Amino acid sequence: MINLVKNELYKIFRKKSTYFFLIFVVAFYTMICVLGNKEVQVMQDNDYTVQIEMIESDINELKKNNVLTDNQKTEYIDNLARLDMYKLVKERNYDNLGAEFNYVKSKLLNYYITKHTVEVYKYDYIDVGYMSEEDFNNKYNEALKKLDDFKPLEEVKNDLNNLNKEKVCEMVSSAYCDEYFNVYKKVLQYRIDNNVPYAEYSNSSTLSSYIELYPSYLEGKKNYDKYNKEQKEQYDATLESIKLTEYKMDHKLIHGSRDDSVVFYEYLYLPVGELYFVIIFGILIISSSIISGEFDKGTIKQLLIKPYSRNKIVTAKIIACIITALFFIVFSEIVDICAGFIYIKGFNLTDTLIQYDSSIGKVIELNGLQLFGHYLLARTPYFLLFMLMIIFISTLSRNTALSAASGFLILILPAFLSLYIDKFKALAYLPFYTWDLSDFLFGGKSEYGVLDFKTCLIMDIIYIIVFFILTLVSFKHSEVKNQ
C-alpha cells in the first residue's frame, strides 16, 4: 500500500496542473495582500487628494447639465459642502478618522451645506438657517475658532457634565431607563479615562455602537421567547456585539490610539475565506483526474496488471489525494503568511483575538493561528467529502473534463437549492448543507437552522463512507477492454 501511495504521489507531482496551482496560490495571495495594503493606505492616508479629485469630478459631471433637477441640486450642494470640508481637513492635515475630522464633519459640514444651499437656490440666509448672513458668518467663525483650540476629549467631558437622564432615555422604554442611563454614563467616563474621543476610527465607533445597540439588547433580554426566527437571529448578533465590547472595556482593550490591525483583519480575515476557496480549487484539480486521467491517457491497463487489488489501488489514490490536499493547505498558509509580512503593515497572526462563544455565554481568547485551526478543522468534512464526490464522478465517467465541470456544478448547486429549502426541509440533509461545520463554531447555528451539529457530523460520516464504497464498487466494475 505504501508503495502504491508513493507512486500516486509521484504521478500527481509530475503533472503540470499541480505546479500551475502552486503558481496560482502565490499570485493569488500576492494580489490579495497588495490590494489589502492599498486599501489600508487609503484608510490611513491624510492627504485627501483622492477624495477631493473624486468630488470635483462629480461636480464637473453635474455642471454639464444645463438645468439641474431637485435631486441633482441636492447632490450638487452635498458635493460642494464635502469639497469645502475635505479642503479644510487637508489644509490642517487632520487624521481622516480622528477626533478633529469628526468635529469638522459633525459641526462644520452643516455650515457648508447651508452656504451652498443659499448660493444654488438664491435664498436668503434667514430662509435657510433662521439667522442673518452676518450671524451665520459669526457662528461659522466661532466654530472655526473652537477648532483652533480643539481638545479631543472636551466634547466628551461636556456631555458627561451636562448629562440629562430624561434626554438620554428619550428613545428608551421607561422600564430600562435607569440601566441604560448608567451604561451611557459609564461609556462616557470610559472614554475620558482611556482617552477615546468621538472619532471615526474603530475603537471609538465600537463604543458608539455599544450605546446604540444597548436598548435592543435590553428589549431582547426580556422578550426573546416571543421573538420570531429573524428577530432571534438579530438579537443573537446584538448580544455578541454587546458582550465583546463589555469584555474589551473590562480589560481596557479600547484605547485612544488608532487600531490599524482591525483594517488588516477586515480585508484578509486571517485568511479563512481566501484559503477555503484555494483549497477547494486545489482539491478539484487533483481529484478530477486522479482516476479518469488513467483512462484518458490509456495507462489504466498498466496500473491494473500490477499485483494489487482494485480496492487497494483506489484507496491508495484517495490517500494520495488527501496527502496532496494537506500539502496544498500548508503551502497556501505559508505563502499567505509570507505575503502578509511583506505587504501588510502590522501583520501578526499570534496577536490575541477575542471571540464570543454563545454555547457557554462567554468571551474567549485565541490567536489568529488558533482561529484558523478551528475553521480548518470544522471544514475538514467539506474538503474530504467534496474530494470523494469528485473522485467517484471521475471513476464513473472516466472523463476528467466532465469530472471538473461536475465539481463546479456541485459548488453552485447549493445556492440554487437553498431557494426551496424552507419548503422542502429534507433538502437540508444533502451533503451540500451538512459538510461545512464551521457554522457551528463558537455556539453558532447552521445557516438554515434545520439540523444541529451532531446530526450534521453523523450525516457527513455516513456520506464519506457511502461515497468511498461507491467509488470502490464503480472502479471494481469498470471495464478496460477498450482502453
Protein backbone atom coordinates (compact mmCIF):
# COMPACT_ATOMS: atom_id res chain seq x y z
CA MET A 1 0.00 0.00 0.00
CA ILE A 2 2.80 2.44 0.90
CA ASN A 3 4.48 1.89 -2.47
CA LEU A 4 1.15 2.43 -4.22
CA VAL A 5 0.62 5.73 -2.38
CA LYS A 6 4.17 6.85 -3.19
CA ASN A 7 3.58 6.02 -6.85
CA GLU A 8 0.35 8.03 -6.90
CA LEU A 9 2.04 11.00 -5.24
CA TYR A 10 4.79 10.80 -7.84
CA LYS A 11 2.17 10.94 -10.60
CA ILE A 12 0.41 13.92 -9.02
CA PHE A 13 3.60 15.94 -8.67
CA ARG A 14 4.62 15.20 -12.24
CA LYS A 15 1.50 16.91 -13.57
CA LYS A 16 1.76 20.47 -14.88
CA SER A 17 -1.62 21.27 -13.32
CA THR A 18 -0.15 20.74 -9.83
CA TYR A 19 2.52 23.37 -10.44
CA PHE A 20 0.00 25.63 -12.14
CA PHE A 21 -1.98 25.53 -8.91
CA LEU A 22 1.08 26.35 -6.79
CA ILE A 23 1.87 29.33 -9.02
CA PHE A 24 -1.77 30.39 -8.78
CA VAL A 25 -1.55 30.30 -4.96
CA VAL A 26 1.47 32.62 -4.93
CA ALA A 27 -0.14 35.03 -7.41
CA PHE A 28 -3.50 34.95 -5.64
CA TYR A 29 -2.18 35.75 -2.17
CA THR A 30 0.17 38.39 -3.51
CA MET A 31 -2.79 40.08 -5.20
CA ILE A 32 -4.94 39.85 -2.05
CA CYS A 33 -2.21 41.34 0.13
CA VAL A 34 -1.30 44.10 -2.34
CA LEU A 35 -4.95 45.14 -2.69
CA GLY A 36 -5.42 44.91 1.07
CA ASN A 37 -2.32 47.00 1.66
CA LYS A 38 -3.50 49.65 -0.80
CA GLU A 39 -6.85 49.80 0.97
CA VAL A 40 -5.12 50.19 4.32
CA GLN A 41 -3.02 53.02 2.87
CA VAL A 42 -6.14 54.77 1.58
CA MET A 43 -7.78 54.48 5.01
CA GLN A 44 -4.61 55.76 6.69
CA ASP A 45 -3.94 58.47 4.14
CA ASN A 46 -4.40 62.03 5.43
CA ASP A 47 -3.62 63.67 2.07
CA TYR A 48 -7.29 63.64 0.95
CA THR A 49 -6.16 64.22 -2.65
CA VAL A 50 -8.10 61.21 -3.93
CA GLN A 51 -11.30 62.25 -2.16
CA ILE A 52 -11.04 65.81 -3.45
CA GLU A 53 -10.41 64.67 -7.02
CA MET A 54 -13.42 62.32 -6.92
CA ILE A 55 -15.73 65.04 -5.56
CA GLU A 56 -14.50 67.57 -8.13
CA SER A 57 -15.14 65.03 -10.87
CA ASP A 58 -18.71 64.52 -9.64
CA ILE A 59 -19.25 68.28 -9.50
CA ASN A 60 -17.98 68.73 -13.06
CA GLU A 61 -20.31 65.96 -14.28
CA LEU A 62 -23.30 67.70 -12.70
CA LYS A 63 -22.25 71.04 -14.22
CA LYS A 64 -22.63 69.52 -17.68
CA ASN A 65 -26.41 69.61 -17.23
CA ASN A 66 -27.98 72.85 -18.38
CA VAL A 67 -30.75 72.54 -15.80
CA LEU A 68 -30.43 70.54 -12.61
CA THR A 69 -33.35 68.59 -11.19
CA ASP A 70 -34.13 68.92 -7.46
CA ASN A 71 -32.30 65.66 -6.76
CA GLN A 72 -29.30 66.80 -8.78
CA LYS A 73 -29.27 70.13 -6.94
CA THR A 74 -29.23 68.29 -3.62
CA GLU A 75 -26.34 66.13 -4.83
CA TYR A 76 -24.54 69.21 -6.17
CA ILE A 77 -24.88 71.05 -2.84
CA ASP A 78 -23.73 67.99 -0.92
CA ASN A 79 -20.63 67.64 -3.13
CA LEU A 80 -19.75 71.34 -2.78
CA ALA A 81 -20.08 71.11 1.00
CA ARG A 82 -17.95 67.95 1.21
CA LEU A 83 -15.35 69.57 -1.06
CA ASP A 84 -15.05 72.50 1.37
CA MET A 85 -14.80 70.08 4.26
CA TYR A 86 -12.03 67.98 2.69
CA LYS A 87 -10.07 71.05 1.65
CA LEU A 88 -10.18 72.29 5.23
CA VAL A 89 -9.04 68.99 6.77
CA LYS A 90 -6.34 68.62 4.11
CA GLU A 91 -5.05 72.11 4.82
CA ARG A 92 -4.87 71.30 8.53
CA ASN A 93 -3.58 67.74 7.95
CA TYR A 94 -6.12 66.08 10.20
CA ASP A 95 -6.26 62.32 10.65
CA ASN A 96 -9.04 61.08 8.36
CA LEU A 97 -10.56 59.02 11.18
CA GLY A 98 -9.53 61.20 14.10
CA ALA A 99 -11.43 63.42 16.53
CA GLU A 100 -10.67 66.67 14.66
CA PHE A 101 -12.04 65.25 11.41
CA ASN A 102 -15.10 64.01 13.28
CA TYR A 103 -15.64 67.52 14.69
CA VAL A 104 -15.40 69.09 11.23
CA LYS A 105 -17.82 66.54 9.82
CA SER A 106 -20.36 66.87 12.64
CA LYS A 107 -20.11 70.63 13.31
CA LEU A 108 -18.86 72.41 10.20
CA LEU A 109 -20.33 70.37 7.36
CA ASN A 110 -23.80 71.78 8.04
CA TYR A 111 -22.44 75.30 7.68
CA TYR A 112 -21.07 74.43 4.24
CA ILE A 113 -24.38 72.85 3.23
CA THR A 114 -26.26 75.98 4.31
CA LYS A 115 -23.84 78.26 2.46
CA HIS A 116 -24.13 76.37 -0.82
CA THR A 117 -27.90 75.95 -0.49
CA VAL A 118 -28.14 79.76 -0.37
CA GLU A 119 -25.88 80.07 -3.42
CA VAL A 120 -27.65 77.44 -5.54
CA TYR A 121 -31.25 78.36 -4.73
CA LYS A 122 -30.59 82.13 -4.39
CA TYR A 123 -32.13 82.12 -0.93
CA ASP A 124 -31.53 84.49 1.96
CA TYR A 125 -29.72 83.06 4.97
CA ILE A 126 -32.77 83.84 7.08
CA ASP A 127 -34.78 81.38 4.94
CA VAL A 128 -32.28 78.57 5.34
CA GLY A 129 -30.53 78.99 8.66
CA TYR A 130 -33.07 81.08 10.52
CA MET A 131 -30.45 83.81 11.00
CA SER A 132 -28.96 86.70 9.09
CA GLU A 133 -25.88 86.34 6.92
CA GLU A 134 -23.86 88.24 9.49
CA ASP A 135 -24.99 85.94 12.30
CA PHE A 136 -24.29 82.94 10.12
CA ASN A 137 -20.72 84.07 9.44
CA ASN A 138 -20.18 84.84 13.11
CA LYS A 139 -21.37 81.35 14.07
CA TYR A 140 -19.13 79.79 11.46
CA ASN A 141 -16.11 81.75 12.66
CA GLU A 142 -16.87 80.72 16.24
CA ALA A 143 -16.90 77.08 15.13
CA LEU A 144 -13.56 77.57 13.37
CA LYS A 145 -12.11 79.16 16.50
CA LYS A 146 -13.24 76.19 18.56
CA LEU A 147 -11.48 74.00 16.02
CA ASP A 148 -8.28 76.01 16.50
CA ASP A 149 -8.50 75.42 20.24
CA PHE A 150 -9.88 71.91 19.85
CA LYS A 151 -9.29 69.43 22.66
CA PRO A 152 -10.36 65.92 21.62
CA LEU A 153 -11.92 64.94 24.95
CA GLU A 154 -13.55 68.28 25.68
CA GLU A 155 -16.80 67.35 23.97
CA VAL A 156 -16.98 64.07 25.88
CA LYS A 157 -16.40 65.89 29.18
CA ASN A 158 -19.10 68.42 28.33
CA ASP A 159 -21.56 65.60 27.57
CA LEU A 160 -20.77 63.93 30.89
CA ASN A 161 -21.05 67.15 32.90
CA ASN A 162 -24.34 68.09 31.23
CA LEU A 163 -25.81 64.60 31.23
CA ASN A 164 -29.58 64.70 31.34
CA LYS A 165 -31.34 61.48 32.24
CA GLU A 166 -34.59 62.45 30.58
CA LYS A 167 -32.87 63.32 27.31
CA VAL A 168 -30.72 60.19 27.35
CA CYS A 169 -33.78 57.99 27.82
CA GLU A 170 -35.90 59.66 25.12
CA MET A 171 -35.72 56.64 22.83
CA VAL A 172 -35.72 54.01 25.57
CA SER A 173 -38.61 52.37 27.40
CA SER A 174 -39.05 53.74 30.91
CA ALA A 175 -38.58 50.21 32.25
CA TYR A 176 -34.96 50.24 31.02
CA CYS A 177 -34.16 53.92 31.62
CA ASP A 178 -32.12 53.52 34.82
CA GLU A 179 -29.92 50.75 33.45
CA TYR A 180 -29.44 52.44 30.09
CA PHE A 181 -28.57 55.77 31.72
CA ASN A 182 -25.94 54.12 33.91
CA VAL A 183 -24.42 52.37 30.89
CA TYR A 184 -24.44 55.62 28.90
CA LYS A 185 -22.67 57.40 31.77
CA LYS A 186 -20.20 54.53 32.17
CA VAL A 187 -19.19 54.74 28.49
CA LEU A 188 -18.61 58.49 28.68
CA GLN A 189 -16.42 58.02 31.74
CA TYR A 190 -14.57 55.18 30.00
CA ARG A 191 -13.86 57.49 27.03
CA ILE A 192 -12.34 60.08 29.37
CA ASP A 193 -10.33 57.62 31.45
CA ASN A 194 -8.91 55.83 28.39
CA ASN A 195 -8.56 58.80 26.02
CA VAL A 196 -11.16 57.72 23.47
CA PRO A 197 -12.68 60.91 21.96
CA TYR A 198 -15.54 60.95 19.50
CA ALA A 199 -13.99 59.86 16.21
CA GLU A 200 -14.48 57.50 13.29
CA TYR A 201 -11.72 55.00 13.97
CA SER A 202 -12.74 51.54 15.13
CA ASN A 203 -12.09 51.95 18.85
CA SER A 204 -14.37 54.97 19.11
CA SER A 205 -17.07 53.58 16.81
CA THR A 206 -17.14 50.37 18.91
CA LEU A 207 -18.24 52.39 21.94
CA SER A 208 -20.76 54.35 19.88
CA SER A 209 -22.25 51.13 18.50
CA TYR A 210 -22.42 49.71 22.01
CA ILE A 211 -24.61 52.61 23.14
CA GLU A 212 -26.82 52.36 20.04
CA LEU A 213 -27.35 48.61 20.43
CA TYR A 214 -27.91 48.55 24.18
CA PRO A 215 -31.66 49.37 24.09
CA SER A 216 -32.22 46.47 21.65
CA TYR A 217 -30.18 44.24 23.95
CA LEU A 218 -32.34 45.17 26.96
CA GLU A 219 -35.53 44.67 24.97
CA GLY A 220 -34.42 41.29 23.63
CA LYS A 221 -33.30 40.06 27.02
CA LYS A 222 -36.88 40.42 28.23
CA ASN A 223 -38.81 39.37 25.13
CA TYR A 224 -36.53 36.78 23.46
CA ASP A 225 -39.05 33.94 23.85
CA LYS A 226 -41.66 35.97 21.99
CA TYR A 227 -39.38 36.71 19.03
CA ASN A 228 -39.65 35.02 15.66
CA LYS A 229 -36.64 33.38 13.99
CA GLU A 230 -35.42 36.55 12.26
CA GLN A 231 -35.74 38.63 15.44
CA LYS A 232 -33.85 35.99 17.44
CA GLU A 233 -31.01 35.97 14.92
CA GLN A 234 -30.82 39.76 15.09
CA TYR A 235 -30.78 39.67 18.89
CA ASP A 236 -28.05 37.00 18.90
CA ALA A 237 -25.88 39.26 16.76
CA THR A 238 -26.60 42.18 19.11
CA LEU A 239 -25.76 40.06 22.15
CA GLU A 240 -22.43 39.04 20.63
CA SER A 241 -21.52 42.66 19.90
CA ILE A 242 -22.53 43.78 23.42
CA LYS A 243 -20.56 41.02 25.17
CA LEU A 244 -17.45 41.62 23.06
CA THR A 245 -17.50 45.36 23.79
CA GLU A 246 -18.05 44.79 27.51
CA TYR A 247 -15.09 42.38 27.56
CA LYS A 248 -12.92 44.97 25.80
CA MET A 249 -13.97 47.65 28.28
CA ASP A 250 -13.42 45.42 31.30
CA HIS A 251 -9.92 44.58 30.07
CA LYS A 252 -9.24 48.12 28.79
CA LEU A 253 -8.65 46.92 25.24
CA ILE A 254 -10.35 50.00 23.78
CA HIS A 255 -7.98 52.94 23.96
CA GLY A 256 -7.29 56.23 22.27
CA SER A 257 -4.71 55.03 19.78
CA ARG A 258 -5.92 54.15 16.33
CA ASP A 259 -6.19 50.39 15.82
CA ASP A 260 -4.99 49.69 12.29
CA SER A 261 -4.81 45.93 12.90
CA VAL A 262 -8.60 45.90 12.56
CA VAL A 263 -8.16 47.04 8.96
CA PHE A 264 -5.92 44.07 8.22
CA TYR A 265 -8.36 41.51 9.62
CA GLU A 266 -11.21 43.20 7.80
CA TYR A 267 -9.56 42.72 4.43
CA LEU A 268 -7.78 39.40 4.93
CA TYR A 269 -9.67 37.83 7.85
CA LEU A 270 -6.91 35.53 8.88
CA PRO A 271 -7.20 34.25 5.54
CA VAL A 272 -10.03 31.85 6.36
CA GLY A 273 -12.23 32.94 3.45
CA GLU A 274 -9.48 33.01 0.83
CA LEU A 275 -7.87 29.75 1.94
CA TYR A 276 -11.23 27.99 1.76
CA PHE A 277 -11.54 28.94 -1.91
CA VAL A 278 -7.94 28.00 -2.70
CA ILE A 279 -8.16 24.56 -1.07
CA ILE A 280 -11.37 23.68 -2.91
CA PHE A 281 -9.77 24.71 -6.20
CA GLY A 282 -6.71 22.56 -5.48
CA ILE A 283 -8.83 19.55 -4.48
CA LEU A 284 -10.83 19.87 -7.69
CA ILE A 285 -7.64 19.85 -9.79
CA ILE A 286 -6.19 16.67 -8.30
CA SER A 287 -9.36 14.64 -7.66
CA SER A 288 -11.00 15.24 -11.06
CA SER A 289 -8.14 13.46 -12.85
CA ILE A 290 -6.83 11.02 -10.29
CA ILE A 291 -8.73 8.08 -11.87
CA SER A 292 -10.22 9.40 -15.10
CA GLY A 293 -6.73 10.56 -16.09
CA GLU A 294 -5.65 6.92 -16.23
CA PHE A 295 -8.44 6.23 -18.75
CA ASP A 296 -7.72 9.43 -20.71
CA LYS A 297 -4.04 8.54 -21.14
CA GLY A 298 -4.62 4.83 -21.63
CA THR A 299 -2.43 3.89 -18.65
CA ILE A 300 -5.21 2.11 -16.79
CA LYS A 301 -4.16 -1.34 -18.13
CA GLN A 302 -0.57 -0.85 -16.90
CA LEU A 303 -1.98 0.00 -13.49
CA LEU A 304 -4.31 -2.99 -13.29
CA ILE A 305 -1.69 -5.57 -14.26
CA LYS A 306 0.24 -4.77 -11.10
CA PRO A 307 -0.19 -7.28 -8.24
CA TYR A 308 -2.66 -5.15 -6.32
CA SER A 309 -6.41 -5.41 -5.95
CA ARG A 310 -8.59 -2.69 -7.41
CA ASN A 311 -9.72 -1.71 -3.92
CA LYS A 312 -6.12 -1.12 -2.87
CA ILE A 313 -5.44 0.93 -5.99
CA VAL A 314 -8.45 3.21 -5.36
CA THR A 315 -7.66 3.52 -1.65
CA ALA A 316 -4.06 4.47 -2.47
CA LYS A 317 -5.28 7.14 -4.89
CA ILE A 318 -7.63 8.60 -2.27
CA ILE A 319 -4.88 8.64 0.36
CA ALA A 320 -2.56 10.34 -2.14
CA CYS A 321 -5.23 12.97 -2.80
CA ILE A 322 -5.64 13.60 0.93
CA ILE A 323 -1.86 13.96 1.42
CA THR A 324 -1.66 16.32 -1.55
CA ALA A 325 -4.56 18.37 -0.20
CA LEU A 326 -2.76 18.68 3.14
CA PHE A 327 0.35 19.81 1.28
CA PHE A 328 -1.72 22.41 -0.60
CA ILE A 329 -3.15 23.67 2.71
CA VAL A 330 0.29 24.01 4.33
CA PHE A 331 1.80 25.57 1.21
CA SER A 332 -1.08 28.04 0.86
CA GLU A 333 -0.85 29.05 4.50
CA ILE A 334 2.93 29.56 4.32
CA VAL A 335 2.57 31.68 1.18
CA ASP A 336 -0.23 33.68 2.77
CA ILE A 337 1.76 34.39 5.93
CA CYS A 338 4.86 35.36 3.95
CA ALA A 339 2.82 37.66 1.70
CA GLY A 340 1.17 39.15 4.78
CA PHE A 341 4.51 40.00 6.39
CA ILE A 342 5.75 41.54 3.14
CA TYR A 343 2.72 43.56 2.10
CA ILE A 344 0.57 44.19 5.18
CA LYS A 345 1.75 46.54 7.90
CA GLY A 346 1.15 45.15 11.37
CA PHE A 347 0.51 41.60 10.16
CA ASN A 348 0.70 39.24 13.13
CA LEU A 349 -1.29 36.01 13.42
CA THR A 350 -0.11 35.48 17.00
CA ASP A 351 -1.90 38.55 18.36
CA THR A 352 -4.63 37.75 20.86
CA LEU A 353 -8.12 37.90 19.42
CA ILE A 354 -11.43 37.62 21.25
CA GLN A 355 -14.48 35.68 20.17
CA TYR A 356 -17.89 35.38 21.80
CA ASP A 357 -18.91 31.75 22.31
CA SER A 358 -22.68 31.63 22.68
CA SER A 359 -22.61 27.96 23.71
CA ILE A 360 -21.00 28.94 27.03
CA GLY A 361 -22.14 32.56 27.09
CA LYS A 362 -18.58 33.85 27.47
CA VAL A 363 -15.90 35.67 25.53
CA ILE A 364 -12.82 33.54 24.85
CA GLU A 365 -9.30 34.49 23.82
CA LEU A 366 -7.35 32.90 20.96
CA ASN A 367 -4.80 33.99 18.39
CA GLY A 368 -5.06 34.08 14.63
CA LEU A 369 -3.40 30.72 14.13
CA GLN A 370 -5.77 29.08 16.60
CA LEU A 371 -8.78 30.64 14.91
CA PHE A 372 -7.51 29.43 11.56
CA GLY A 373 -7.08 25.93 13.02
CA HIS A 374 -10.65 25.93 14.32
CA TYR A 375 -12.05 26.82 10.90
CA LEU A 376 -9.81 24.38 9.06
CA LEU A 377 -10.81 21.50 11.32
CA ALA A 378 -14.50 22.41 11.05
CA ARG A 379 -14.27 22.38 7.25
CA THR A 380 -12.37 19.09 7.03
CA PRO A 381 -15.58 17.10 6.32
CA TYR A 382 -16.29 19.51 3.48
CA PHE A 383 -12.87 19.03 1.89
CA LEU A 384 -12.91 15.26 2.33
CA LEU A 385 -16.48 14.75 1.14
CA PHE A 386 -16.06 17.08 -1.85
CA MET A 387 -12.92 15.17 -2.80
CA LEU A 388 -14.67 11.79 -2.59
CA MET A 389 -17.61 13.01 -4.65
CA ILE A 390 -15.32 14.21 -7.43
CA ILE A 391 -13.26 11.01 -7.34
CA PHE A 392 -16.46 8.98 -7.59
CA ILE A 393 -17.61 11.03 -10.60
CA SER A 394 -14.13 10.67 -12.09
CA THR A 395 -14.34 6.88 -11.68
CA LEU A 396 -17.86 6.66 -13.03
CA SER A 397 -17.42 8.97 -16.04
CA ARG A 398 -13.77 8.23 -16.87
CA ASN A 399 -13.68 11.78 -18.17
CA THR A 400 -11.54 14.47 -16.50
CA ALA A 401 -13.30 17.43 -18.09
CA LEU A 402 -16.71 16.13 -17.05
CA SER A 403 -15.44 15.48 -13.51
CA ALA A 404 -14.11 19.03 -13.21
CA ALA A 405 -17.33 20.50 -14.60
CA SER A 406 -19.31 18.40 -12.14
CA GLY A 407 -17.20 19.81 -9.32
CA PHE A 408 -18.12 23.37 -10.27
CA LEU A 409 -21.76 22.31 -10.51
CA ILE A 410 -21.61 20.83 -7.00
CA LEU A 411 -20.32 24.16 -5.69
CA ILE A 412 -23.05 26.13 -7.45
CA LEU A 413 -25.98 23.79 -6.80
CA PRO A 414 -26.45 24.63 -3.08
CA ALA A 415 -27.19 28.28 -3.89
CA PHE A 416 -29.99 27.17 -6.23
CA LEU A 417 -31.46 24.53 -3.92
CA SER A 418 -31.42 26.94 -0.96
CA LEU A 419 -34.35 28.75 -2.58
CA TYR A 420 -36.50 25.72 -1.80
CA ILE A 421 -35.04 24.55 1.50
CA ASP A 422 -37.69 26.32 3.60
CA LYS A 423 -40.39 24.48 1.70
CA PHE A 424 -38.62 21.13 1.49
CA LYS A 425 -36.79 20.59 4.78
CA ALA A 426 -35.41 17.25 3.57
CA LEU A 427 -33.00 19.17 1.31
CA ALA A 428 -31.09 20.16 4.44
CA TYR A 429 -29.86 16.55 4.69
CA LEU A 430 -27.98 16.80 1.38
CA PRO A 431 -24.19 16.86 1.77
CA PHE A 432 -24.05 20.45 0.46
CA TYR A 433 -25.70 21.63 3.68
CA THR A 434 -24.07 19.30 6.22
CA TRP A 435 -20.43 19.24 5.20
CA ASP A 436 -19.35 22.72 6.43
CA LEU A 437 -19.34 22.52 10.23
CA SER A 438 -17.80 25.98 10.66
CA ASP A 439 -21.32 27.40 11.07
CA PHE A 440 -21.42 25.69 14.47
CA LEU A 441 -18.18 27.19 15.77
CA PHE A 442 -18.47 29.22 18.98
CA GLY A 443 -22.08 28.21 19.53
CA GLY A 444 -23.25 29.13 16.04
CA LYS A 445 -26.14 27.56 14.18
CA SER A 446 -26.44 26.14 10.68
CA GLU A 447 -27.33 28.67 8.02
CA TYR A 448 -30.83 27.29 7.56
CA GLY A 449 -31.39 26.27 11.17
CA VAL A 450 -32.72 22.81 10.28
CA LEU A 451 -30.01 20.45 11.57
CA ASP A 452 -27.82 20.59 14.67
CA PHE A 453 -24.09 19.90 14.87
CA LYS A 454 -24.40 16.26 15.94
CA THR A 455 -26.79 15.43 13.09
CA CYS A 456 -24.58 17.13 10.51
CA LEU A 457 -21.48 15.31 11.76
CA ILE A 458 -23.24 11.92 11.63
CA MET A 459 -24.55 12.67 8.12
CA ASP A 460 -21.05 13.66 6.98
CA ILE A 461 -19.56 10.41 8.28
CA ILE A 462 -22.29 8.43 6.52
CA TYR A 463 -21.75 10.32 3.24
CA ILE A 464 -17.98 9.83 3.40
CA ILE A 465 -18.41 6.06 3.88
CA VAL A 466 -21.06 5.88 1.13
CA PHE A 467 -19.01 7.72 -1.49
CA PHE A 468 -15.90 5.76 -0.59
CA ILE A 469 -17.79 2.48 -1.10
CA LEU A 470 -19.43 3.74 -4.29
CA THR A 471 -16.00 4.64 -5.67
CA LEU A 472 -14.63 1.19 -4.82
CA VAL A 473 -17.61 -0.54 -6.44
CA SER A 474 -17.53 1.67 -9.51
CA PHE A 475 -13.82 1.13 -10.09
CA LYS A 476 -14.08 -2.60 -9.42
CA HIS A 477 -16.68 -2.98 -12.17
CA SER A 478 -15.02 -0.65 -14.66
CA GLU A 479 -14.35 -2.31 -17.99
CA VAL A 480 -10.99 -1.53 -19.54
CA LYS A 481 -11.01 -3.70 -22.63
CA ASN A 482 -11.15 -0.68 -24.95
CA GLN A 483 -8.55 1.29 -23.09
